PDB file of N, CA and C in Angstrom:
ATOM      1  N   UNK A   1      -7.385 -21.197  47.353  1.00  0.00           N
ATOM      2  CA  UNK A   1      -6.733 -21.634  46.143  1.00  0.00           C
ATOM      3  C   UNK A   1      -7.732 -21.742  44.988  1.00  0.00           C
ATOM      4  N   UNK A   2      -8.921 -22.088  45.275  1.00  0.00           N
ATOM      5  CA  UNK A   2      -9.935 -22.232  44.254  1.00  0.00           C
ATOM      6  C   UNK A   2     -10.252 -20.876  43.610  1.00  0.00           C
ATOM      7  N   UNK A   3     -10.294 -19.830  44.439  1.00  0.00           N
ATOM      8  CA  UNK A   3     -10.579 -18.499  43.913  1.00  0.00           C
ATOM      9  C   UNK A   3      -9.445 -18.006  43.028  1.00  0.00           C
ATOM     10  N   UNK A   4      -8.219 -18.284  43.452  1.00  0.00           N
ATOM     11  CA  UNK A   4      -7.065 -17.881  42.652  1.00  0.00           C
ATOM     12  C   UNK A   4      -7.064 -18.607  41.303  1.00  0.00           C
ATOM     13  N   UNK A   5      -7.362 -19.858  41.333  1.00  0.00           N
ATOM     14  CA  UNK A   5      -7.410 -20.653  40.105  1.00  0.00           C
ATOM     15  C   UNK A   5      -8.496 -20.131  39.168  1.00  0.00           C
ATOM     16  N   UNK A   6      -9.643 -19.813  39.745  1.00  0.00           N
ATOM     17  CA  UNK A   6     -10.747 -19.291  38.928  1.00  0.00           C
ATOM     18  C   UNK A   6     -10.405 -17.917  38.374  1.00  0.00           C
ATOM     19  N   UNK A   7      -9.709 -17.097  39.179  1.00  0.00           N
ATOM     20  CA  UNK A   7      -9.317 -15.766  38.719  1.00  0.00           C
ATOM     21  C   UNK A   7      -8.326 -15.874  37.568  1.00  0.00           C
ATOM     22  N   UNK A   8      -7.406 -16.824  37.659  1.00  0.00           N
ATOM     23  CA  UNK A   8      -6.445 -17.023  36.576  1.00  0.00           C
ATOM     24  C   UNK A   8      -7.155 -17.450  35.297  1.00  0.00           C
ATOM     25  N   UNK A   9      -8.143 -18.309  35.431  1.00  0.00           N
ATOM     26  CA  UNK A   9      -8.908 -18.749  34.270  1.00  0.00           C
ATOM     27  C   UNK A   9      -9.626 -17.564  33.622  1.00  0.00           C
ATOM     28  N   UNK A  10     -10.230 -16.699  34.475  1.00  0.00           N
ATOM     29  CA  UNK A  10     -10.917 -15.529  33.950  1.00  0.00           C
ATOM     30  C   UNK A  10      -9.938 -14.583  33.266  1.00  0.00           C
ATOM     31  N   UNK A  11      -8.750 -14.406  33.862  1.00  0.00           N
ATOM     32  CA  UNK A  11      -7.737 -13.558  33.247  1.00  0.00           C
ATOM     33  C   UNK A  11      -7.306 -14.129  31.897  1.00  0.00           C
ATOM     34  N   UNK A  12      -7.110 -15.431  31.831  1.00  0.00           N
ATOM     35  CA  UNK A  12      -6.717 -16.063  30.582  1.00  0.00           C
ATOM     36  C   UNK A  12      -7.814 -15.930  29.527  1.00  0.00           C
ATOM     37  N   UNK A  13      -9.050 -16.040  29.965  1.00  0.00           N
ATOM     38  CA  UNK A  13     -10.173 -15.881  29.038  1.00  0.00           C
ATOM     39  C   UNK A  13     -10.211 -14.452  28.503  1.00  0.00           C
ATOM     40  N   UNK A  14     -10.017 -13.472  29.368  1.00  0.00           N
ATOM     41  CA  UNK A  14     -10.011 -12.065  28.935  1.00  0.00           C
ATOM     42  C   UNK A  14      -8.851 -11.791  27.972  1.00  0.00           C
ATOM     43  N   UNK A  15      -7.697 -12.356  28.272  1.00  0.00           N
ATOM     44  CA  UNK A  15      -6.540 -12.173  27.402  1.00  0.00           C
ATOM     45  C   UNK A  15      -6.829 -12.778  26.022  1.00  0.00           C
ATOM     46  N   UNK A  16      -7.403 -13.960  26.031  1.00  0.00           N
ATOM     47  CA  UNK A  16      -7.724 -14.622  24.757  1.00  0.00           C
ATOM     48  C   UNK A  16      -8.768 -13.821  23.965  1.00  0.00           C
ATOM     49  N   UNK A  17      -9.753 -13.246  24.661  1.00  0.00           N
ATOM     50  CA  UNK A  17     -10.749 -12.416  23.990  1.00  0.00           C
ATOM     51  C   UNK A  17     -10.091 -11.213  23.326  1.00  0.00           C
ATOM     52  N   UNK A  18      -9.156 -10.593  24.042  1.00  0.00           N
ATOM     53  CA  UNK A  18      -8.448  -9.438  23.465  1.00  0.00           C
ATOM     54  C   UNK A  18      -7.634  -9.852  22.247  1.00  0.00           C
ATOM     55  N   UNK A  19      -6.980 -11.018  22.349  1.00  0.00           N
ATOM     56  CA  UNK A  19      -6.204 -11.507  21.202  1.00  0.00           C
ATOM     57  C   UNK A  19      -7.103 -11.734  19.989  1.00  0.00           C
ATOM     58  N   UNK A  20      -8.261 -12.299  20.213  1.00  0.00           N
ATOM     59  CA  UNK A  20      -9.198 -12.545  19.116  1.00  0.00           C
ATOM     60  C   UNK A  20      -9.668 -11.231  18.510  1.00  0.00           C
ATOM     61  N   UNK A  21      -9.955 -10.240  19.343  1.00  0.00           N
ATOM     62  CA  UNK A  21     -10.374  -8.932  18.850  1.00  0.00           C
ATOM     63  C   UNK A  21      -9.271  -8.288  18.008  1.00  0.00           C
ATOM     64  N   UNK A  22      -8.021  -8.382  18.477  1.00  0.00           N
ATOM     65  CA  UNK A  22      -6.905  -7.818  17.723  1.00  0.00           C
ATOM     66  C   UNK A  22      -6.717  -8.538  16.390  1.00  0.00           C
ATOM     67  N   UNK A  23      -6.849  -9.860  16.409  1.00  0.00           N
ATOM     68  CA  UNK A  23      -6.728 -10.622  15.165  1.00  0.00           C
ATOM     69  C   UNK A  23      -7.817 -10.226  14.171  1.00  0.00           C
ATOM     70  N   UNK A  24      -9.023 -10.045  14.665  1.00  0.00           N
ATOM     71  CA  UNK A  24     -10.114  -9.614  13.784  1.00  0.00           C
ATOM     72  C   UNK A  24      -9.834  -8.233  13.201  1.00  0.00           C
ATOM     73  N   UNK A  25      -9.342  -7.326  14.046  1.00  0.00           N
ATOM     74  CA  UNK A  25      -9.029  -5.977  13.574  1.00  0.00           C
ATOM     75  C   UNK A  25      -7.918  -6.008  12.519  1.00  0.00           C
ATOM     76  N   UNK A  26      -6.887  -6.835  12.748  1.00  0.00           N
ATOM     77  CA  UNK A  26      -5.808  -6.956  11.768  1.00  0.00           C
ATOM     78  C   UNK A  26      -6.320  -7.529  10.453  1.00  0.00           C
ATOM     79  N   UNK A  27      -7.176  -8.537  10.536  1.00  0.00           N
ATOM     80  CA  UNK A  27      -7.736  -9.136   9.318  1.00  0.00           C
ATOM     81  C   UNK A  27      -8.578  -8.117   8.557  1.00  0.00           C
ATOM     82  N   UNK A  28      -9.348  -7.335   9.279  1.00  0.00           N
ATOM     83  CA  UNK A  28     -10.188  -6.301   8.640  1.00  0.00           C
ATOM     84  C   UNK A  28      -9.312  -5.240   7.974  1.00  0.00           C
ATOM     85  N   UNK A  29      -8.234  -4.828   8.648  1.00  0.00           N
ATOM     86  CA  UNK A  29      -7.326  -3.833   8.075  1.00  0.00           C
ATOM     87  C   UNK A  29      -6.642  -4.388   6.834  1.00  0.00           C
ATOM     88  N   UNK A  30      -6.232  -5.647   6.877  1.00  0.00           N
ATOM     89  CA  UNK A  30      -5.583  -6.264   5.727  1.00  0.00           C
ATOM     90  C   UNK A  30      -6.550  -6.383   4.553  1.00  0.00           C
ATOM     91  N   UNK A  31      -7.783  -6.736   4.847  1.00  0.00           N
ATOM     92  CA  UNK A  31      -8.801  -6.850   3.804  1.00  0.00           C
ATOM     93  C   UNK A  31      -9.065  -5.479   3.171  1.00  0.00           C
ATOM     94  N   UNK A  32      -9.138  -4.456   3.998  1.00  0.00           N
ATOM     95  CA  UNK A  32      -9.366  -3.103   3.502  1.00  0.00           C
ATOM     96  C   UNK A  32      -8.200  -2.646   2.625  1.00  0.00           C
ATOM     97  N   UNK A  33      -6.979  -2.941   3.074  1.00  0.00           N
ATOM     98  CA  UNK A  33      -5.795  -2.559   2.308  1.00  0.00           C
ATOM     99  C   UNK A  33      -5.765  -3.296   0.974  1.00  0.00           C
ATOM    100  N   UNK A  34      -6.113  -4.568   0.984  1.00  0.00           N
ATOM    101  CA  UNK A  34      -6.147  -5.349  -0.259  1.00  0.00           C
ATOM    102  C   UNK A  34      -7.201  -4.782  -1.218  1.00  0.00           C
ATOM    103  N   UNK A  35      -8.345  -4.385  -0.669  1.00  0.00           N
ATOM    104  CA  UNK A  35      -9.385  -3.783  -1.491  1.00  0.00           C
ATOM    105  C   UNK A  35      -8.917  -2.491  -2.133  1.00  0.00           C
ATOM    106  N   UNK A  36      -8.161  -1.689  -1.377  1.00  0.00           N
ATOM    107  CA  UNK A  36      -7.625  -0.437  -1.909  1.00  0.00           C
ATOM    108  C   UNK A  36      -6.634  -0.718  -3.032  1.00  0.00           C
ATOM    109  N   UNK A  37      -5.789  -1.729  -2.846  1.00  0.00           N
ATOM    110  CA  UNK A  37      -4.816  -2.068  -3.886  1.00  0.00           C
ATOM    111  C   UNK A  37      -5.511  -2.516  -5.160  1.00  0.00           C
ATOM    112  N   UNK A  38      -6.531  -3.340  -5.021  1.00  0.00           N
ATOM    113  CA  UNK A  38      -7.268  -3.804  -6.193  1.00  0.00           C
ATOM    114  C   UNK A  38      -7.957  -2.629  -6.901  1.00  0.00           C
ATOM    115  N   UNK A  39      -8.515  -1.711  -6.114  1.00  0.00           N
ATOM    116  CA  UNK A  39      -9.170  -0.533  -6.677  1.00  0.00           C
ATOM    117  C   UNK A  39      -8.160   0.325  -7.440  1.00  0.00           C
ATOM    118  N   UNK A  40      -6.960   0.493  -6.862  1.00  0.00           N
ATOM    119  CA  UNK A  40      -5.934   1.300  -7.511  1.00  0.00           C
ATOM    120  C   UNK A  40      -5.465   0.655  -8.807  1.00  0.00           C
ATOM    121  N   UNK A  41      -5.416  -0.673  -8.858  1.00  0.00           N
ATOM    122  CA  UNK A  41      -4.993  -1.357 -10.075  1.00  0.00           C
ATOM    123  C   UNK A  41      -5.989  -1.151 -11.208  1.00  0.00           C
ATOM    124  N   UNK A  42      -7.257  -0.997 -10.870  1.00  0.00           N
ATOM    125  CA  UNK A  42      -8.285  -0.840 -11.891  1.00  0.00           C
ATOM    126  C   UNK A  42      -8.312   0.567 -12.479  1.00  0.00           C
ATOM    127  N   UNK A  43      -7.778   1.544 -11.773  1.00  0.00           N
ATOM    128  CA  UNK A  43      -7.810   2.930 -12.237  1.00  0.00           C
ATOM    129  C   UNK A  43      -6.808   3.153 -13.368  1.00  0.00           C
ATOM    130  N   UNK A  44      -7.050   4.143 -14.227  1.00  0.00           N
ATOM    131  CA  UNK A  44      -6.044   4.518 -15.224  1.00  0.00           C
ATOM    132  C   UNK A  44      -4.799   5.062 -14.517  1.00  0.00           C
ATOM    133  N   UNK A  45      -3.661   5.073 -15.207  1.00  0.00           N
ATOM    134  CA  UNK A  45      -2.404   5.444 -14.554  1.00  0.00           C
ATOM    135  C   UNK A  45      -2.447   6.845 -13.957  1.00  0.00           C
ATOM    136  N   UNK A  46      -3.150   7.769 -14.578  1.00  0.00           N
ATOM    137  CA  UNK A  46      -3.134   9.146 -14.102  1.00  0.00           C
ATOM    138  C   UNK A  46      -4.049   9.368 -12.891  1.00  0.00           C
ATOM    139  N   UNK A  47      -4.828   8.367 -12.494  1.00  0.00           N
ATOM    140  CA  UNK A  47      -5.675   8.511 -11.319  1.00  0.00           C
ATOM    141  C   UNK A  47      -5.175   7.674 -10.141  1.00  0.00           C
ATOM    142  N   UNK A  48      -4.018   7.048 -10.294  1.00  0.00           N
ATOM    143  CA  UNK A  48      -3.492   6.204  -9.232  1.00  0.00           C
ATOM    144  C   UNK A  48      -2.866   7.059  -8.137  1.00  0.00           C
ATOM    145  N   UNK A  49      -2.328   6.387  -7.138  1.00  0.00           N
ATOM    146  CA  UNK A  49      -1.733   7.076  -5.997  1.00  0.00           C
ATOM    147  C   UNK A  49      -0.638   8.049  -6.427  1.00  0.00           C
ATOM    148  N   UNK A  50      -0.333   8.984  -5.567  1.00  0.00           N
ATOM    149  CA  UNK A  50       0.628  10.044  -5.851  1.00  0.00           C
ATOM    150  C   UNK A  50       1.998   9.496  -6.222  1.00  0.00           C
ATOM    151  N   UNK A  51       2.442   8.444  -5.556  1.00  0.00           N
ATOM    152  CA  UNK A  51       3.758   7.862  -5.831  1.00  0.00           C
ATOM    153  C   UNK A  51       3.883   7.459  -7.292  1.00  0.00           C
ATOM    154  N   UNK A  52       2.877   6.777  -7.817  1.00  0.00           N
ATOM    155  CA  UNK A  52       2.927   6.342  -9.209  1.00  0.00           C
ATOM    156  C   UNK A  52       2.799   7.520 -10.161  1.00  0.00           C
ATOM    157  N   UNK A  53       2.057   8.533  -9.773  1.00  0.00           N
ATOM    158  CA  UNK A  53       1.955   9.732 -10.612  1.00  0.00           C
ATOM    159  C   UNK A  53       3.303  10.435 -10.721  1.00  0.00           C
ATOM    160  N   UNK A  54       4.008  10.522  -9.607  1.00  0.00           N
ATOM    161  CA  UNK A  54       5.322  11.169  -9.623  1.00  0.00           C
ATOM    162  C   UNK A  54       6.300  10.372 -10.474  1.00  0.00           C
ATOM    163  N   UNK A  55       6.285   9.047 -10.331  1.00  0.00           N
ATOM    164  CA  UNK A  55       7.166   8.219 -11.161  1.00  0.00           C
ATOM    165  C   UNK A  55       6.844   8.387 -12.643  1.00  0.00           C
ATOM    166  N   UNK A  56       5.574   8.430 -12.968  1.00  0.00           N
ATOM    167  CA  UNK A  56       5.168   8.627 -14.356  1.00  0.00           C
ATOM    168  C   UNK A  56       5.620   9.975 -14.892  1.00  0.00           C
ATOM    169  N   UNK A  57       5.510  11.010 -14.076  1.00  0.00           N
ATOM    170  CA  UNK A  57       5.936  12.352 -14.503  1.00  0.00           C
ATOM    171  C   UNK A  57       7.436  12.398 -14.738  1.00  0.00           C
ATOM    172  N   UNK A  58       8.205  11.770 -13.864  1.00  0.00           N
ATOM    173  CA  UNK A  58       9.666  11.752 -14.027  1.00  0.00           C
ATOM    174  C   UNK A  58      10.041  11.000 -15.303  1.00  0.00           C
ATOM    175  N   UNK A  59       9.403   9.863 -15.536  1.00  0.00           N
ATOM    176  CA  UNK A  59       9.688   9.095 -16.756  1.00  0.00           C
ATOM    177  C   UNK A  59       9.335   9.905 -17.994  1.00  0.00           C
ATOM    178  N   UNK A  60       8.233  10.609 -17.956  1.00  0.00           N
ATOM    179  CA  UNK A  60       7.822  11.430 -19.096  1.00  0.00           C
ATOM    180  C   UNK A  60       8.826  12.542 -19.364  1.00  0.00           C
ATOM    181  N   UNK A  61       9.316  13.171 -18.327  1.00  0.00           N
ATOM    182  CA  UNK A  61      10.319  14.235 -18.494  1.00  0.00           C
ATOM    183  C   UNK A  61      11.580  13.667 -19.120  1.00  0.00           C
ATOM    184  N   UNK A  62      12.022  12.492 -18.659  1.00  0.00           N
ATOM    185  CA  UNK A  62      13.217  11.880 -19.254  1.00  0.00           C
ATOM    186  C   UNK A  62      13.005  11.562 -20.732  1.00  0.00           C
ATOM    187  N   UNK A  63      11.850  11.075 -21.094  1.00  0.00           N
ATOM    188  CA  UNK A  63      11.559  10.762 -22.495  1.00  0.00           C
ATOM    189  C   UNK A  63      11.579  12.040 -23.329  1.00  0.00           C
ATOM    190  N   UNK A  64      10.966  13.095 -22.848  1.00  0.00           N
ATOM    191  CA  UNK A  64      10.927  14.365 -23.591  1.00  0.00           C
ATOM    192  C   UNK A  64      12.331  14.934 -23.760  1.00  0.00           C
ATOM    193  N   UNK A  65      13.115  14.925 -22.685  1.00  0.00           N
ATOM    194  CA  UNK A  65      14.488  15.447 -22.766  1.00  0.00           C
ATOM    195  C   UNK A  65      15.305  14.591 -23.725  1.00  0.00           C
ATOM    196  N   UNK A  66      15.147  13.278 -23.635  1.00  0.00           N
ATOM    197  CA  UNK A  66      15.886  12.394 -24.541  1.00  0.00           C
ATOM    198  C   UNK A  66      15.532  12.626 -25.995  1.00  0.00           C
ATOM    199  N   UNK A  67      14.263  12.727 -26.288  1.00  0.00           N
ATOM    200  CA  UNK A  67      13.844  12.981 -27.671  1.00  0.00           C
ATOM    201  C   UNK A  67      14.326  14.338 -28.159  1.00  0.00           C
ATOM    202  N   UNK A  68      14.317  15.320 -27.292  1.00  0.00           N
ATOM    203  CA  UNK A  68      14.803  16.655 -27.660  1.00  0.00           C
ATOM    204  C   UNK A  68      16.293  16.610 -27.975  1.00  0.00           C
ATOM    205  N   UNK A  69      17.070  15.901 -27.157  1.00  0.00           N
ATOM    206  CA  UNK A  69      18.511  15.792 -27.417  1.00  0.00           C
ATOM    207  C   UNK A  69      18.789  15.034 -28.716  1.00  0.00           C
ATOM    208  N   UNK A  70      18.034  13.987 -28.965  1.00  0.00           N
ATOM    209  CA  UNK A  70      18.210  13.227 -30.206  1.00  0.00           C
ATOM    210  C   UNK A  70      17.875  14.103 -31.403  1.00  0.00           C
ATOM    211  N   UNK A  71      16.776  14.833 -31.331  1.00  0.00           N
ATOM    212  CA  UNK A  71      16.388  15.714 -32.441  1.00  0.00           C
ATOM    213  C   UNK A  71      17.426  16.818 -32.651  1.00  0.00           C
ATOM    214  N   UNK A  72      17.974  17.347 -31.585  1.00  0.00           N
ATOM    215  CA  UNK A  72      18.982  18.403 -31.676  1.00  0.00           C
ATOM    216  C   UNK A  72      20.250  17.874 -32.340  1.00  0.00           C
ATOM    217  N   UNK A  73      20.667  16.666 -31.964  1.00  0.00           N
ATOM    218  CA  UNK A  73      21.873  16.074 -32.547  1.00  0.00           C
ATOM    219  C   UNK A  73      21.666  15.678 -33.999  1.00  0.00           C
ATOM    220  N   UNK A  74      20.500  15.191 -34.349  1.00  0.00           N
ATOM    221  CA  UNK A  74      20.211  14.821 -35.737  1.00  0.00           C
ATOM    222  C   UNK A  74      20.238  16.057 -36.628  1.00  0.00           C
ATOM    223  N   UNK A  75      19.777  17.173 -36.100  1.00  0.00           N
ATOM    224  CA  UNK A  75      19.757  18.419 -36.875  1.00  0.00           C
ATOM    225  C   UNK A  75      21.165  18.812 -37.309  1.00  0.00           C
ATOM    226  N   UNK A  76      22.148  18.616 -36.455  1.00  0.00           N
ATOM    227  CA  UNK A  76      23.509  19.004 -36.798  1.00  0.00           C
ATOM    228  C   UNK A  76      24.248  17.937 -37.586  1.00  0.00           C
ATOM    229  N   UNK A  77      23.797  16.688 -37.548  1.00  0.00           N
ATOM    230  CA  UNK A  77      24.442  15.635 -38.329  1.00  0.00           C
ATOM    231  C   UNK A  77      23.996  15.670 -39.790  1.00  0.00           C
ATOM    232  N   UNK A  78      22.794  16.134 -40.028  1.00  0.00           N
ATOM    233  CA  UNK A  78      22.262  16.102 -41.400  1.00  0.00           C
ATOM    234  C   UNK A  78      22.531  17.389 -42.108  1.00  0.00           C
TER     235      UNK A  78
END
């Protein structure tokens, strides 16, 4: 019984060590991700991630089309 008890303690210690390692890895990944976000915030809009570049391009196209339609309509009203 003593050996079984000691083996269980060793198993619990190993499990706890693995949990600590996983927690450290998660914290490191979260820190790295936060660093990337902060870095992206500091960049100008045209150097940010692809998602924001695509959104910016779509917004720009809508603005250009809108201004073109307004200019076209003003031409015929005046």
